[in-house]
Amino acid sequence: MGKSFSWFLSAQSPIADLQQLLEAFPALRLFVENDQTSHGGNIASLHAFFDNAYEVPVSMTFDIGNWLYVHEQPQEAIKKLRSFVGYIHIKHVIKNSGKLVTTAISNGSNEMWKDILKGFSHYTFKALEFPIDEPEQVPGFISLVQAAEQEEVQ
């Protein structure tokens, strides 16, 4: 990695300011999500950030679908970042007319969200992050996630 992360350790760095802010508000929880950019969705950059922010109470939001946008392997991300993850965004991403599109999860055997959940504790916070047409569909999606977690236990 070409960038130096020594600025994390400086008393004048933005991370020191962040640490002071979070110490002043201990009930506040900060999560940093892997995004759909080559820097913010890069496994190496995220690992360097979390590894060097050890005194700052910050956790990672692991967005299942965003790894595809930046051509990173989700299973590799799990191996390198699992210890920092406190929250998971569950979604399904497909290629449609050459573009990646976020869609609702289903029980399809080819949906990677189920395999990715196996890499984390059942106690990790989770959220559905995809378009939901009707609020009445939410319990069904929650049941899909619960069933996927039960498959792993059996």
C-alpha atoms as a PDB file:
ATOM      1  CA  MET A   1       0.000   0.000   0.000  1.00  0.00           C
ATOM      2  CA  GLY A   2       1.468   3.308  -1.083  1.00  0.00           C
ATOM      3  CA  LYS A   3      -0.162   5.582   1.492  1.00  0.00           C
ATOM      4  CA  SER A   4       1.197   6.173   4.952  1.00  0.00           C
ATOM      5  CA  PHE A   5      -1.235   6.029   7.805  1.00  0.00           C
ATOM      6  CA  SER A   6       1.129   7.623  10.318  1.00  0.00           C
ATOM      7  CA  TRP A   7      -1.233  10.629  10.552  1.00  0.00           C
ATOM      8  CA  PHE A   8      -3.536   8.385  12.619  1.00  0.00           C
ATOM      9  CA  LEU A   9      -1.022   8.441  15.417  1.00  0.00           C
ATOM     10  CA  SER A  10      -0.457  12.194  15.492  1.00  0.00           C
ATOM     11  CA  ALA A  11      -2.037  14.152  18.345  1.00  0.00           C
ATOM     12  CA  GLN A  12      -3.144  16.698  15.736  1.00  0.00           C
ATOM     13  CA  SER A  13      -4.739  14.200  13.377  1.00  0.00           C
ATOM     14  CA  PRO A  14      -8.457  14.085  12.647  1.00  0.00           C
ATOM     15  CA  ILE A  15      -8.578  10.695  14.363  1.00  0.00           C
ATOM     16  CA  ALA A  16      -7.512  12.322  17.660  1.00  0.00           C
ATOM     17  CA  ASP A  17     -10.390  14.805  17.323  1.00  0.00           C
ATOM     18  CA  LEU A  18     -12.743  11.949  16.579  1.00  0.00           C
ATOM     19  CA  GLN A  19     -11.547  10.074  19.640  1.00  0.00           C
ATOM     20  CA  GLN A  20     -12.220  13.128  21.846  1.00  0.00           C
ATOM     21  CA  LEU A  21     -15.709  13.540  20.399  1.00  0.00           C
ATOM     22  CA  LEU A  22     -16.624   9.908  20.939  1.00  0.00           C
ATOM     23  CA  GLU A  23     -15.237   9.960  24.484  1.00  0.00           C
ATOM     24  CA  ALA A  24     -17.431  12.987  25.212  1.00  0.00           C
ATOM     25  CA  PHE A  25     -20.506  11.060  24.020  1.00  0.00           C
ATOM     26  CA  PRO A  26     -19.968   7.468  25.175  1.00  0.00           C
ATOM     27  CA  ALA A  27     -23.474   6.359  24.141  1.00  0.00           C
ATOM     28  CA  LEU A  28     -22.704   7.274  20.536  1.00  0.00           C
ATOM     29  CA  ARG A  29     -21.607   4.388  18.300  1.00  0.00           C
ATOM     30  CA  LEU A  30     -19.699   5.142  15.129  1.00  0.00           C
ATOM     31  CA  PHE A  31     -19.679   2.792  12.158  1.00  0.00           C
ATOM     32  CA  VAL A  32     -17.671   3.201   8.956  1.00  0.00           C
ATOM     33  CA  GLU A  33     -19.104   1.409   5.929  1.00  0.00           C
ATOM     34  CA  ASN A  34     -17.291  -0.018   2.959  1.00  0.00           C
ATOM     35  CA  ASP A  35     -18.647   2.068   0.101  1.00  0.00           C
ATOM     36  CA  GLN A  36     -18.805   1.733  -3.685  1.00  0.00           C
ATOM     37  CA  THR A  37     -15.574   3.653  -4.380  1.00  0.00           C
ATOM     38  CA  SER A  38     -12.132   2.207  -5.013  1.00  0.00           C
ATOM     39  CA  HIS A  39     -10.764   3.871  -1.856  1.00  0.00           C
ATOM     40  CA  GLY A  40     -13.661   3.510   0.572  1.00  0.00           C
ATOM     41  CA  GLY A  41     -14.462  -0.002  -0.579  1.00  0.00           C
ATOM     42  CA  ASN A  42     -10.891  -1.211  -0.656  1.00  0.00           C
ATOM     43  CA  ILE A  43     -10.072  -4.025   1.773  1.00  0.00           C
ATOM     44  CA  ALA A  44      -6.493  -2.843   2.334  1.00  0.00           C
ATOM     45  CA  SER A  45      -7.506   0.782   3.041  1.00  0.00           C
ATOM     46  CA  LEU A  46     -10.272  -0.241   5.408  1.00  0.00           C
ATOM     47  CA  HIS A  47      -8.004  -2.679   7.244  1.00  0.00           C
ATOM     48  CA  ALA A  48      -5.324   0.004   7.631  1.00  0.00           C
ATOM     49  CA  PHE A  49      -7.882   2.464   8.994  1.00  0.00           C
ATOM     50  CA  PHE A  50      -9.401   0.098  11.549  1.00  0.00           C
ATOM     51  CA  ASP A  51      -6.048  -1.362  12.524  1.00  0.00           C
ATOM     52  CA  ASN A  52      -4.656   2.115  13.238  1.00  0.00           C
ATOM     53  CA  ALA A  53      -7.781   3.513  14.893  1.00  0.00           C
ATOM     54  CA  TYR A  54      -7.452   1.031  17.759  1.00  0.00           C
ATOM     55  CA  GLU A  55      -8.120   3.558  20.511  1.00  0.00           C
ATOM     56  CA  VAL A  56     -11.142   5.068  18.789  1.00  0.00           C
ATOM     57  CA  PRO A  57     -14.422   3.256  19.451  1.00  0.00           C
ATOM     58  CA  VAL A  58     -15.305   2.738  15.800  1.00  0.00           C
ATOM     59  CA  SER A  59     -16.689  -0.388  14.136  1.00  0.00           C
ATOM     60  CA  MET A  60     -17.309  -1.389  10.575  1.00  0.00           C
ATOM     61  CA  THR A  61     -20.553  -1.685   8.676  1.00  0.00           C
ATOM     62  CA  PHE A  62     -19.982  -4.566   6.278  1.00  0.00           C
ATOM     63  CA  ASP A  63     -22.120  -3.868   3.213  1.00  0.00           C
ATOM     64  CA  ILE A  64     -22.484  -7.221   1.469  1.00  0.00           C
ATOM     65  CA  GLY A  65     -23.196  -5.849  -2.001  1.00  0.00           C
ATOM     66  CA  ASN A  66     -20.719  -2.975  -2.135  1.00  0.00           C
ATOM     67  CA  TRP A  67     -17.735  -5.323  -2.548  1.00  0.00           C
ATOM     68  CA  LEU A  68     -19.004  -6.187  -6.020  1.00  0.00           C
ATOM     69  CA  TYR A  69     -18.991  -2.546  -7.099  1.00  0.00           C
ATOM     70  CA  VAL A  70     -15.271  -2.254  -6.346  1.00  0.00           C
ATOM     71  CA  HIS A  71     -14.291  -5.730  -7.593  1.00  0.00           C
ATOM     72  CA  GLU A  72     -13.218  -6.952  -4.150  1.00  0.00           C
ATOM     73  CA  GLN A  73     -13.895 -10.480  -2.928  1.00  0.00           C
ATOM     74  CA  PRO A  74     -16.385 -10.548  -0.031  1.00  0.00           C
ATOM     75  CA  GLN A  75     -14.855 -13.713   1.443  1.00  0.00           C
ATOM     76  CA  GLU A  76     -11.422 -12.028   1.499  1.00  0.00           C
ATOM     77  CA  ALA A  77     -12.998  -8.992   3.167  1.00  0.00           C
ATOM     78  CA  ILE A  78     -14.489 -11.235   5.834  1.00  0.00           C
ATOM     79  CA  LYS A  79     -11.102 -12.809   6.559  1.00  0.00           C
ATOM     80  CA  LYS A  80      -9.328  -9.459   6.859  1.00  0.00           C
ATOM     81  CA  LEU A  81     -12.058  -7.322   8.458  1.00  0.00           C
ATOM     82  CA  ARG A  82     -14.274  -9.648  10.529  1.00  0.00           C
ATOM     83  CA  SER A  83     -12.832  -8.507  13.844  1.00  0.00           C
ATOM     84  CA  PHE A  84     -13.844  -4.896  13.129  1.00  0.00           C
ATOM     85  CA  VAL A  85     -17.409  -5.598  11.933  1.00  0.00           C
ATOM     86  CA  GLY A  86     -20.295  -4.601  14.178  1.00  0.00           C
ATOM     87  CA  TYR A  87     -23.077  -4.197  11.619  1.00  0.00           C
ATOM     88  CA  ILE A  88     -24.034  -5.892   8.347  1.00  0.00           C
ATOM     89  CA  HIS A  89     -26.075  -4.468   5.468  1.00  0.00           C
ATOM     90  CA  ILE A  90     -27.884  -7.348   3.793  1.00  0.00           C
ATOM     91  CA  LYS A  91     -28.752  -7.070   0.119  1.00  0.00           C
ATOM     92  CA  HIS A  92     -28.520  -8.891  -3.183  1.00  0.00           C
ATOM     93  CA  VAL A  93     -26.715  -7.325  -6.144  1.00  0.00           C
ATOM     94  CA  ILE A  94     -27.190  -8.453  -9.741  1.00  0.00           C
ATOM     95  CA  LYS A  95     -25.842  -7.336 -13.075  1.00  0.00           C
ATOM     96  CA  ASN A  96     -28.637  -5.935 -15.250  1.00  0.00           C
ATOM     97  CA  SER A  97     -27.859  -4.496 -18.698  1.00  0.00           C
ATOM     98  CA  GLY A  98     -24.197  -4.187 -17.738  1.00  0.00           C
ATOM     99  CA  LYS A  99     -24.901  -2.321 -14.481  1.00  0.00           C
ATOM    100  CA  LEU A 100     -24.908  -3.564 -10.915  1.00  0.00           C
ATOM    101  CA  VAL A 101     -28.313  -3.206  -9.295  1.00  0.00           C
ATOM    102  CA  THR A 102     -29.355  -3.760  -5.685  1.00  0.00           C
ATOM    103  CA  THR A 103     -32.374  -6.024  -5.350  1.00  0.00           C
ATOM    104  CA  ALA A 104     -34.311  -7.731  -2.595  1.00  0.00           C
ATOM    105  CA  ILE A 105     -32.922 -10.916  -1.115  1.00  0.00           C
ATOM    106  CA  SER A 106     -34.583 -14.221  -1.855  1.00  0.00           C
ATOM    107  CA  ASN A 107     -34.079 -17.847  -0.971  1.00  0.00           C
ATOM    108  CA  GLY A 108     -32.177 -18.528  -4.206  1.00  0.00           C
ATOM    109  CA  SER A 109     -29.213 -20.822  -3.721  1.00  0.00           C
ATOM    110  CA  ASN A 110     -26.928 -18.526  -5.755  1.00  0.00           C
ATOM    111  CA  GLU A 111     -27.350 -15.502  -3.507  1.00  0.00           C
ATOM    112  CA  MET A 112     -24.086 -14.721  -1.768  1.00  0.00           C
ATOM    113  CA  TRP A 113     -25.693 -12.925   1.176  1.00  0.00           C
ATOM    114  CA  LYS A 114     -26.398 -16.284   2.826  1.00  0.00           C
ATOM    115  CA  ASP A 115     -22.794 -17.451   2.520  1.00  0.00           C
ATOM    116  CA  ILE A 116     -21.497 -14.124   3.792  1.00  0.00           C
ATOM    117  CA  LEU A 117     -23.681 -14.255   6.903  1.00  0.00           C
ATOM    118  CA  LYS A 118     -21.997 -17.556   7.790  1.00  0.00           C
ATOM    119  CA  GLY A 119     -18.768 -15.605   8.276  1.00  0.00           C
ATOM    120  CA  PHE A 120     -20.194 -13.614  11.186  1.00  0.00           C
ATOM    121  CA  SER A 121     -21.742 -14.202  14.579  1.00  0.00           C
ATOM    122  CA  HIS A 122     -25.531 -14.354  14.691  1.00  0.00           C
ATOM    123  CA  TYR A 123     -25.290 -11.581  17.267  1.00  0.00           C
ATOM    124  CA  THR A 124     -23.831  -9.081  14.794  1.00  0.00           C
ATOM    125  CA  PHE A 125     -26.347  -6.304  14.110  1.00  0.00           C
ATOM    126  CA  LYS A 126     -27.989  -6.579  10.693  1.00  0.00           C
ATOM    127  CA  ALA A 127     -30.165  -4.413   8.487  1.00  0.00           C
ATOM    128  CA  LEU A 128     -32.010  -5.015   5.251  1.00  0.00           C
ATOM    129  CA  GLU A 129     -30.687  -2.548   2.682  1.00  0.00           C
ATOM    130  CA  PHE A 130     -32.602  -2.863  -0.542  1.00  0.00           C
ATOM    131  CA  PRO A 131     -35.831  -1.509  -2.031  1.00  0.00           C
ATOM    132  CA  ILE A 132     -38.910  -2.981  -0.342  1.00  0.00           C
ATOM    133  CA  ASP A 133     -42.161  -2.367  -2.189  1.00  0.00           C
ATOM    134  CA  GLU A 134     -44.583  -2.986   0.663  1.00  0.00           C
ATOM    135  CA  PRO A 135     -43.988  -2.789   4.428  1.00  0.00           C
ATOM    136  CA  GLU A 136     -45.850  -6.091   4.766  1.00  0.00           C
ATOM    137  CA  GLN A 137     -42.895  -7.805   3.047  1.00  0.00           C
ATOM    138  CA  VAL A 138     -40.454  -6.979   5.858  1.00  0.00           C
ATOM    139  CA  PRO A 139     -41.358  -9.935   8.136  1.00  0.00           C
ATOM    140  CA  GLY A 140     -40.791 -12.317   5.215  1.00  0.00           C
ATOM    141  CA  PHE A 141     -37.325 -10.897   4.567  1.00  0.00           C
ATOM    142  CA  ILE A 142     -36.496 -11.136   8.264  1.00  0.00           C
ATOM    143  CA  SER A 143     -37.612 -14.769   8.205  1.00  0.00           C
ATOM    144  CA  LEU A 144     -35.265 -15.427   5.254  1.00  0.00           C
ATOM    145  CA  VAL A 145     -32.330 -14.065   7.242  1.00  0.00           C
ATOM    146  CA  GLN A 146     -33.304 -16.067  10.326  1.00  0.00           C
ATOM    147  CA  ALA A 147     -33.681 -19.253   8.249  1.00  0.00           C
ATOM    148  CA  ALA A 148     -30.249 -18.713   6.659  1.00  0.00           C
ATOM    149  CA  GLU A 149     -28.733 -18.387  10.113  1.00  0.00           C
ATOM    150  CA  GLN A 150     -30.503 -21.543  11.277  1.00  0.00           C
ATOM    151  CA  GLU A 151     -29.152 -23.507   8.282  1.00  0.00           C
ATOM    152  CA  GLU A 152     -25.651 -22.805   9.525  1.00  0.00           C
ATOM    153  CA  VAL A 153     -26.439 -24.062  13.037  1.00  0.00           C
ATOM    154  CA  GLN A 154     -27.880 -27.410  11.877  1.00  0.00           C
END
